[in-house]
């Protein structure tokens, strides 16, 4: 059984036991979170959401993602800018799919 959930402006296809990396959500390590925005659950497709469906997960870790380098340059203008960014992420393990 699988489900498609929406969190952080993105969609994820998840199954029970999966570990996914999502944008930061509130919750301490070991706490349980519930995703109520379920777009599909197995063969059932929502319009736009599946009524009464939810996905439960456990927070494994609050961390930062790998660094992304942002480099801007205009040739022959002596213009160079270098920046870095590390996105805050949350690692979650899916425990229950499509619980009602």
C-alpha atoms as a PDB file:
ATOM      1  CA  UNK A   1       0.000   0.000   0.000  1.00  0.00           C
ATOM      2  CA  UNK A   2       1.289   3.453  -0.852  1.00  0.00           C
ATOM      3  CA  UNK A   3       0.079   7.026  -0.564  1.00  0.00           C
ATOM      4  CA  UNK A   4       0.908  10.379  -2.116  1.00  0.00           C
ATOM      5  CA  UNK A   5       1.186  13.175   0.459  1.00  0.00           C
ATOM      6  CA  UNK A   6       1.777  16.908   0.143  1.00  0.00           C
ATOM      7  CA  UNK A   7       4.044  18.796   2.553  1.00  0.00           C
ATOM      8  CA  UNK A   8       6.318  21.787   2.155  1.00  0.00           C
ATOM      9  CA  UNK A   9       4.878  22.557  -1.276  1.00  0.00           C
ATOM     10  CA  UNK A  10       6.070  19.196  -2.654  1.00  0.00           C
ATOM     11  CA  UNK A  11       4.495  15.787  -3.194  1.00  0.00           C
ATOM     12  CA  UNK A  12       5.960  12.489  -1.978  1.00  0.00           C
ATOM     13  CA  UNK A  13       4.999   8.900  -2.782  1.00  0.00           C
ATOM     14  CA  UNK A  14       5.408   6.970   0.479  1.00  0.00           C
ATOM     15  CA  UNK A  15       4.897   3.452   1.780  1.00  0.00           C
ATOM     16  CA  UNK A  16       5.071   2.036   5.279  1.00  0.00           C
ATOM     17  CA  UNK A  17       8.684   1.868   6.508  1.00  0.00           C
ATOM     18  CA  UNK A  18      10.043   4.522   4.111  1.00  0.00           C
ATOM     19  CA  UNK A  19      12.464   7.178   5.373  1.00  0.00           C
ATOM     20  CA  UNK A  20      12.051  10.490   3.540  1.00  0.00           C
ATOM     21  CA  UNK A  21      13.744  13.877   3.692  1.00  0.00           C
ATOM     22  CA  UNK A  22      11.274  16.777   3.752  1.00  0.00           C
ATOM     23  CA  UNK A  23      11.408  20.493   4.442  1.00  0.00           C
ATOM     24  CA  UNK A  24      11.566  21.347   8.134  1.00  0.00           C
ATOM     25  CA  UNK A  25       8.420  20.751  10.157  1.00  0.00           C
ATOM     26  CA  UNK A  26       7.806  21.290  13.858  1.00  0.00           C
ATOM     27  CA  UNK A  27       8.531  18.336  16.114  1.00  0.00           C
ATOM     28  CA  UNK A  28      11.252  16.882  18.301  1.00  0.00           C
ATOM     29  CA  UNK A  29      13.172  13.701  17.558  1.00  0.00           C
ATOM     30  CA  UNK A  30      11.006  10.691  18.359  1.00  0.00           C
ATOM     31  CA  UNK A  31       7.710  12.577  18.200  1.00  0.00           C
ATOM     32  CA  UNK A  32       4.881  11.509  15.918  1.00  0.00           C
ATOM     33  CA  UNK A  33       3.523  13.702  13.118  1.00  0.00           C
ATOM     34  CA  UNK A  34       0.393  13.232  11.021  1.00  0.00           C
ATOM     35  CA  UNK A  35       0.088  14.292   7.371  1.00  0.00           C
ATOM     36  CA  UNK A  36      -3.558  15.033   6.573  1.00  0.00           C
ATOM     37  CA  UNK A  37      -3.053  16.222   2.990  1.00  0.00           C
ATOM     38  CA  UNK A  38      -3.271  12.828   1.263  1.00  0.00           C
ATOM     39  CA  UNK A  39      -3.686  13.173  -2.511  1.00  0.00           C
ATOM     40  CA  UNK A  40      -3.892   9.454  -3.312  1.00  0.00           C
ATOM     41  CA  UNK A  41      -4.152   6.284  -1.264  1.00  0.00           C
ATOM     42  CA  UNK A  42      -3.501   3.088  -3.212  1.00  0.00           C
ATOM     43  CA  UNK A  43      -5.957   3.079  -6.118  1.00  0.00           C
ATOM     44  CA  UNK A  44      -8.106   5.846  -4.579  1.00  0.00           C
ATOM     45  CA  UNK A  45      -7.395   9.280  -6.041  1.00  0.00           C
ATOM     46  CA  UNK A  46      -8.651  12.345  -4.208  1.00  0.00           C
ATOM     47  CA  UNK A  47     -10.414  15.358  -5.690  1.00  0.00           C
ATOM     48  CA  UNK A  48      -8.131  17.052  -4.563  1.00  0.00           C
ATOM     49  CA  UNK A  49      -7.733  15.192  -1.219  1.00  0.00           C
ATOM     50  CA  UNK A  50      -8.818  11.738  -0.060  1.00  0.00           C
ATOM     51  CA  UNK A  51     -11.488  12.254   2.587  1.00  0.00           C
ATOM     52  CA  UNK A  52     -10.549  10.979   6.051  1.00  0.00           C
ATOM     53  CA  UNK A  53      -7.153   9.584   5.044  1.00  0.00           C
ATOM     54  CA  UNK A  54      -3.952  10.376   6.931  1.00  0.00           C
ATOM     55  CA  UNK A  55      -0.342   9.216   7.036  1.00  0.00           C
ATOM     56  CA  UNK A  56       1.500   8.866  10.356  1.00  0.00           C
ATOM     57  CA  UNK A  57       5.262   9.268  10.684  1.00  0.00           C
ATOM     58  CA  UNK A  58       7.963   9.510  13.349  1.00  0.00           C
ATOM     59  CA  UNK A  59      10.569  12.285  13.333  1.00  0.00           C
ATOM     60  CA  UNK A  60      14.038  10.733  13.177  1.00  0.00           C
ATOM     61  CA  UNK A  61      16.214  13.833  12.940  1.00  0.00           C
ATOM     62  CA  UNK A  62      16.190  17.611  12.481  1.00  0.00           C
ATOM     63  CA  UNK A  63      19.198  18.525  10.329  1.00  0.00           C
ATOM     64  CA  UNK A  64      20.622  20.652   7.539  1.00  0.00           C
ATOM     65  CA  UNK A  65      20.906  19.502   3.934  1.00  0.00           C
ATOM     66  CA  UNK A  66      24.079  19.612   1.844  1.00  0.00           C
ATOM     67  CA  UNK A  67      25.404  23.053   0.939  1.00  0.00           C
ATOM     68  CA  UNK A  68      24.303  24.576  -2.352  1.00  0.00           C
ATOM     69  CA  UNK A  69      26.722  27.078  -3.912  1.00  0.00           C
ATOM     70  CA  UNK A  70      25.200  30.127  -5.624  1.00  0.00           C
ATOM     71  CA  UNK A  71      27.726  31.758  -7.974  1.00  0.00           C
ATOM     72  CA  UNK A  72      26.907  34.824 -10.091  1.00  0.00           C
ATOM     73  CA  UNK A  73      29.257  36.238 -12.700  1.00  0.00           C
ATOM     74  CA  UNK A  74      29.106  38.800 -15.490  1.00  0.00           C
ATOM     75  CA  UNK A  75      31.985  38.394 -17.861  1.00  0.00           C
ATOM     76  CA  UNK A  76      34.318  41.302 -18.558  1.00  0.00           C
ATOM     77  CA  UNK A  77      32.630  43.373 -15.827  1.00  0.00           C
ATOM     78  CA  UNK A  78      34.735  42.251 -12.827  1.00  0.00           C
ATOM     79  CA  UNK A  79      31.486  41.105 -11.163  1.00  0.00           C
ATOM     80  CA  UNK A  80      31.587  37.900  -9.096  1.00  0.00           C
ATOM     81  CA  UNK A  81      29.408  36.917  -6.137  1.00  0.00           C
ATOM     82  CA  UNK A  82      29.627  33.631  -4.265  1.00  0.00           C
ATOM     83  CA  UNK A  83      27.047  32.556  -1.705  1.00  0.00           C
ATOM     84  CA  UNK A  84      26.140  29.317   0.031  1.00  0.00           C
ATOM     85  CA  UNK A  85      22.877  27.981   1.440  1.00  0.00           C
ATOM     86  CA  UNK A  86      21.991  25.002   3.660  1.00  0.00           C
ATOM     87  CA  UNK A  87      18.299  24.124   3.787  1.00  0.00           C
ATOM     88  CA  UNK A  88      16.756  22.994   7.081  1.00  0.00           C
ATOM     89  CA  UNK A  89      15.325  19.476   6.687  1.00  0.00           C
ATOM     90  CA  UNK A  90      13.524  16.843   8.716  1.00  0.00           C
ATOM     91  CA  UNK A  91      14.052  13.096   8.318  1.00  0.00           C
ATOM     92  CA  UNK A  92      10.848  11.149   8.980  1.00  0.00           C
ATOM     93  CA  UNK A  93      10.004   7.436   8.950  1.00  0.00           C
ATOM     94  CA  UNK A  94       6.539   6.511   7.735  1.00  0.00           C
ATOM     95  CA  UNK A  95       4.768   4.252  10.227  1.00  0.00           C
ATOM     96  CA  UNK A  96       1.135   4.051   9.059  1.00  0.00           C
ATOM     97  CA  UNK A  97      -0.241   4.648   5.564  1.00  0.00           C
ATOM     98  CA  UNK A  98      -3.855   5.693   4.904  1.00  0.00           C
ATOM     99  CA  UNK A  99      -5.039   5.262   8.488  1.00  0.00           C
ATOM    100  CA  UNK A 100      -8.617   6.375   8.960  1.00  0.00           C
END
